[in-house]
Amino acid sequence: MFLVGLDIVGDKVMEVNVFSPGGMGHACKLNDENYFEVVIQAIEEQLH
């Protein structure tokens, strides 16, 4: 898997979401960073 979402509670992984790895919007707001461009570039590289 190249891009997945992990739901972590405490020290336990609760879910590995491979269909809708959300949370990046929240991470961008939390850290005041734009992660979307980097992730899209990495996906494009994997496709080539």
PDB file of N, CA and C in Angstrom:
ATOM      1  N   MET A   1       0.836  -1.174   0.000  1.00  0.00           N
ATOM      2  CA  MET A   1       0.000   0.000   0.000  1.00  0.00           C
ATOM      3  C   MET A   1       0.884   1.242   0.000  1.00  0.00           C
ATOM      4  N   PHE A   2       0.544   2.175  -0.841  1.00  0.00           N
ATOM      5  CA  PHE A   2       1.338   3.401  -0.935  1.00  0.00           C
ATOM      6  C   PHE A   2       0.787   4.520  -0.066  1.00  0.00           C
ATOM      7  N   LEU A   3      -0.545   4.636   0.014  1.00  0.00           N
ATOM      8  CA  LEU A   3      -1.147   5.723   0.775  1.00  0.00           C
ATOM      9  C   LEU A   3      -2.310   5.157   1.582  1.00  0.00           C
ATOM     10  N   VAL A   4      -2.178   5.179   2.887  1.00  0.00           N
ATOM     11  CA  VAL A   4      -3.236   4.686   3.773  1.00  0.00           C
ATOM     12  C   VAL A   4      -3.425   5.668   4.918  1.00  0.00           C
ATOM     13  N   GLY A   5      -4.566   5.582   5.540  1.00  0.00           N
ATOM     14  CA  GLY A   5      -4.833   6.369   6.739  1.00  0.00           C
ATOM     15  C   GLY A   5      -4.798   5.464   7.950  1.00  0.00           C
ATOM     16  N   LEU A   6      -4.151   5.892   9.007  1.00  0.00           N
ATOM     17  CA  LEU A   6      -4.076   5.108  10.241  1.00  0.00           C
ATOM     18  C   LEU A   6      -4.853   5.822  11.331  1.00  0.00           C
ATOM     19  N   ASP A   7      -5.742   5.088  11.976  1.00  0.00           N
ATOM     20  CA  ASP A   7      -6.428   5.606  13.163  1.00  0.00           C
ATOM     21  C   ASP A   7      -5.736   5.007  14.377  1.00  0.00           C
ATOM     22  N   ILE A   8      -5.112   5.867  15.168  1.00  0.00           N
ATOM     23  CA  ILE A   8      -4.340   5.411  16.320  1.00  0.00           C
ATOM     24  C   ILE A   8      -4.944   6.009  17.585  1.00  0.00           C
ATOM     25  N   VAL A   9      -5.197   5.157  18.564  1.00  0.00           N
ATOM     26  CA  VAL A   9      -5.694   5.590  19.867  1.00  0.00           C
ATOM     27  C   VAL A   9      -4.700   5.081  20.904  1.00  0.00           C
ATOM     28  N   GLY A  10      -4.056   6.024  21.590  1.00  0.00           N
ATOM     29  CA  GLY A  10      -3.035   5.618  22.551  1.00  0.00           C
ATOM     30  C   GLY A  10      -1.885   4.947  21.836  1.00  0.00           C
ATOM     31  N   ASP A  11      -1.601   3.706  22.170  1.00  0.00           N
ATOM     32  CA  ASP A  11      -0.536   2.961  21.512  1.00  0.00           C
ATOM     33  C   ASP A  11      -1.072   1.844  20.623  1.00  0.00           C
ATOM     34  N   LYS A  12      -2.350   1.914  20.247  1.00  0.00           N
ATOM     35  CA  LYS A  12      -2.979   0.872  19.437  1.00  0.00           C
ATOM     36  C   LYS A  12      -3.458   1.417  18.094  1.00  0.00           C
ATOM     37  N   VAL A  13      -3.210   0.661  17.025  1.00  0.00           N
ATOM     38  CA  VAL A  13      -3.761   0.985  15.713  1.00  0.00           C
ATOM     39  C   VAL A  13      -5.183   0.442  15.676  1.00  0.00           C
ATOM     40  N   MET A  14      -6.143   1.336  15.502  1.00  0.00           N
ATOM     41  CA  MET A  14      -7.552   0.939  15.502  1.00  0.00           C
ATOM     42  C   MET A  14      -8.038   0.567  14.105  1.00  0.00           C
ATOM     43  N   GLU A  15      -7.495   1.238  13.082  1.00  0.00           N
ATOM     44  CA  GLU A  15      -7.972   0.997  11.720  1.00  0.00           C
ATOM     45  C   GLU A  15      -6.884   1.399  10.732  1.00  0.00           C
ATOM     46  N   VAL A  16      -6.793   0.640   9.642  1.00  0.00           N
ATOM     47  CA  VAL A  16      -5.967   1.005   8.501  1.00  0.00           C
ATOM     48  C   VAL A  16      -6.940   1.223   7.356  1.00  0.00           C
ATOM     49  N   ASN A  17      -7.095   2.475   6.942  1.00  0.00           N
ATOM     50  CA  ASN A  17      -8.083   2.813   5.929  1.00  0.00           C
ATOM     51  C   ASN A  17      -7.388   2.968   4.583  1.00  0.00           C
ATOM     52  N   VAL A  18      -7.654   2.039   3.678  1.00  0.00           N
ATOM     53  CA  VAL A  18      -7.010   2.068   2.359  1.00  0.00           C
ATOM     54  C   VAL A  18      -7.899   2.682   1.283  1.00  0.00           C
ATOM     55  N   PHE A  19      -9.170   2.862   1.557  1.00  0.00           N
ATOM     56  CA  PHE A  19     -10.086   3.404   0.552  1.00  0.00           C
ATOM     57  C   PHE A  19     -10.240   4.917   0.655  1.00  0.00           C
ATOM     58  N   SER A  20     -10.174   5.469   1.842  1.00  0.00           N
ATOM     59  CA  SER A  20     -10.344   6.903   2.051  1.00  0.00           C
ATOM     60  C   SER A  20      -9.406   7.370   3.160  1.00  0.00           C
ATOM     61  N   PRO A  21      -8.113   7.508   2.816  1.00  0.00           N
ATOM     62  CA  PRO A  21      -7.155   7.905   3.846  1.00  0.00           C
ATOM     63  C   PRO A  21      -7.265   9.395   4.168  1.00  0.00           C
ATOM     64  N   GLY A  22      -8.297   9.781   4.851  1.00  0.00           N
ATOM     65  CA  GLY A  22      -8.539  11.183   5.182  1.00  0.00           C
ATOM     66  C   GLY A  22      -7.652  11.673   6.298  1.00  0.00           C
ATOM     67  N   GLY A  23      -7.892  12.869   6.705  1.00  0.00           N
ATOM     68  CA  GLY A  23      -7.130  13.442   7.801  1.00  0.00           C
ATOM     69  C   GLY A  23      -6.042  14.386   7.344  1.00  0.00           C
ATOM     70  N   MET A  24      -5.724  14.380   6.053  1.00  0.00           N
ATOM     71  CA  MET A  24      -4.654  15.252   5.599  1.00  0.00           C
ATOM     72  C   MET A  24      -5.064  16.726   5.729  1.00  0.00           C
ATOM     73  N   GLY A  25      -6.316  17.021   5.492  1.00  0.00           N
ATOM     74  CA  GLY A  25      -6.793  18.393   5.676  1.00  0.00           C
ATOM     75  C   GLY A  25      -6.613  18.870   7.103  1.00  0.00           C
ATOM     76  N   HIS A  26      -6.920  17.983   8.053  1.00  0.00           N
ATOM     77  CA  HIS A  26      -6.737  18.318   9.467  1.00  0.00           C
ATOM     78  C   HIS A  26      -5.245  18.507   9.790  1.00  0.00           C
ATOM     79  N   ALA A  27      -4.405  17.642   9.229  1.00  0.00           N
ATOM     80  CA  ALA A  27      -2.965  17.756   9.469  1.00  0.00           C
ATOM     81  C   ALA A  27      -2.426  19.064   8.899  1.00  0.00           C
ATOM     82  N   CYS A  28      -2.938  19.470   7.731  1.00  0.00           N
ATOM     83  CA  CYS A  28      -2.500  20.737   7.128  1.00  0.00           C
ATOM     84  C   CYS A  28      -2.852  21.906   8.035  1.00  0.00           C
ATOM     85  N   LYS A  29      -4.082  21.898   8.545  1.00  0.00           N
ATOM     86  CA  LYS A  29      -4.512  22.986   9.426  1.00  0.00           C
ATOM     87  C   LYS A  29      -3.726  22.971  10.740  1.00  0.00           C
ATOM     88  N   LEU A  30      -3.522  21.787  11.289  1.00  0.00           N
ATOM     89  CA  LEU A  30      -2.832  21.649  12.573  1.00  0.00           C
ATOM     90  C   LEU A  30      -1.398  22.171  12.496  1.00  0.00           C
ATOM     91  N   ASN A  31      -0.716  21.856  11.404  1.00  0.00           N
ATOM     92  CA  ASN A  31       0.699  22.222  11.267  1.00  0.00           C
ATOM     93  C   ASN A  31       0.926  23.432  10.372  1.00  0.00           C
ATOM     94  N   ASP A  32      -0.161  24.027   9.859  1.00  0.00           N
ATOM     95  CA  ASP A  32      -0.078  25.170   8.953  1.00  0.00           C
ATOM     96  C   ASP A  32       0.860  24.876   7.785  1.00  0.00           C
ATOM     97  N   GLU A  33       0.690  23.699   7.193  1.00  0.00           N
ATOM     98  CA  GLU A  33       1.493  23.246   6.056  1.00  0.00           C
ATOM     99  C   GLU A  33       0.558  22.727   4.973  1.00  0.00           C
ATOM    100  N   ASN A  34       1.017  22.736   3.720  1.00  0.00           N
ATOM    101  CA  ASN A  34       0.253  22.164   2.609  1.00  0.00           C
ATOM    102  C   ASN A  34       0.915  20.856   2.196  1.00  0.00           C
ATOM    103  N   TYR A  35       0.348  19.755   2.637  1.00  0.00           N
ATOM    104  CA  TYR A  35       0.895  18.438   2.313  1.00  0.00           C
ATOM    105  C   TYR A  35       0.354  17.884   1.007  1.00  0.00           C
ATOM    106  N   PHE A  36      -0.699  18.477   0.482  1.00  0.00           N
ATOM    107  CA  PHE A  36      -1.361  17.929  -0.699  1.00  0.00           C
ATOM    108  C   PHE A  36      -0.433  17.868  -1.913  1.00  0.00           C
ATOM    109  N   GLU A  37       0.322  18.936  -2.174  1.00  0.00           N
ATOM    110  CA  GLU A  37       1.210  18.952  -3.340  1.00  0.00           C
ATOM    111  C   GLU A  37       2.244  17.841  -3.261  1.00  0.00           C
ATOM    112  N   VAL A  38       2.845  17.658  -2.109  1.00  0.00           N
ATOM    113  CA  VAL A  38       3.879  16.631  -1.945  1.00  0.00           C
ATOM    114  C   VAL A  38       3.290  15.239  -2.157  1.00  0.00           C
ATOM    115  N   VAL A  39       2.111  14.995  -1.603  1.00  0.00           N
ATOM    116  CA  VAL A  39       1.479  13.682  -1.738  1.00  0.00           C
ATOM    117  C   VAL A  39       1.078  13.425  -3.188  1.00  0.00           C
ATOM    118  N   ILE A  40       0.522  14.423  -3.858  1.00  0.00           N
ATOM    119  CA  ILE A  40       0.125  14.255  -5.255  1.00  0.00           C
ATOM    120  C   ILE A  40       1.346  13.994  -6.132  1.00  0.00           C
ATOM    121  N   GLN A  41       2.436  14.699  -5.889  1.00  0.00           N
ATOM    122  CA  GLN A  41       3.676  14.454  -6.642  1.00  0.00           C
ATOM    123  C   GLN A  41       4.182  13.031  -6.418  1.00  0.00           C
ATOM    124  N   ALA A  42       4.121  12.553  -5.188  1.00  0.00           N
ATOM    125  CA  ALA A  42       4.582  11.191  -4.886  1.00  0.00           C
ATOM    126  C   ALA A  42       3.701  10.157  -5.572  1.00  0.00           C
ATOM    127  N   ILE A  43       2.398  10.398  -5.616  1.00  0.00           N
ATOM    128  CA  ILE A  43       1.483   9.480  -6.310  1.00  0.00           C
ATOM    129  C   ILE A  43       1.791   9.465  -7.798  1.00  0.00           C
ATOM    130  N   GLU A  44       2.007  10.645  -8.383  1.00  0.00           N
ATOM    131  CA  GLU A  44       2.343  10.716  -9.810  1.00  0.00           C
ATOM    132  C   GLU A  44       3.631   9.966 -10.115  1.00  0.00           C
ATOM    133  N   GLU A  45       4.625  10.080  -9.230  1.00  0.00           N
ATOM    134  CA  GLU A  45       5.880   9.356  -9.427  1.00  0.00           C
ATOM    135  C   GLU A  45       5.654   7.844  -9.396  1.00  0.00           C
ATOM    136  N   GLN A  46       4.793   7.389  -8.489  1.00  0.00           N
ATOM    137  CA  GLN A  46       4.499   5.955  -8.395  1.00  0.00           C
ATOM    138  C   GLN A  46       3.792   5.463  -9.660  1.00  0.00           C
ATOM    139  N   LEU A  47       2.990   6.309 -10.283  1.00  0.00           N
ATOM    140  CA  LEU A  47       2.273   5.918 -11.499  1.00  0.00           C
ATOM    141  C   LEU A  47       3.189   5.810 -12.713  1.00  0.00           C
ATOM    142  N   HIS A  48       4.284   6.576 -12.687  1.00  0.00           N
ATOM    143  CA  HIS A  48       5.213   6.522 -13.822  1.00  0.00           C
ATOM    144  C   HIS A  48       6.132   5.370 -13.609  1.00  0.00           C
TER     145      HIS A  48
END
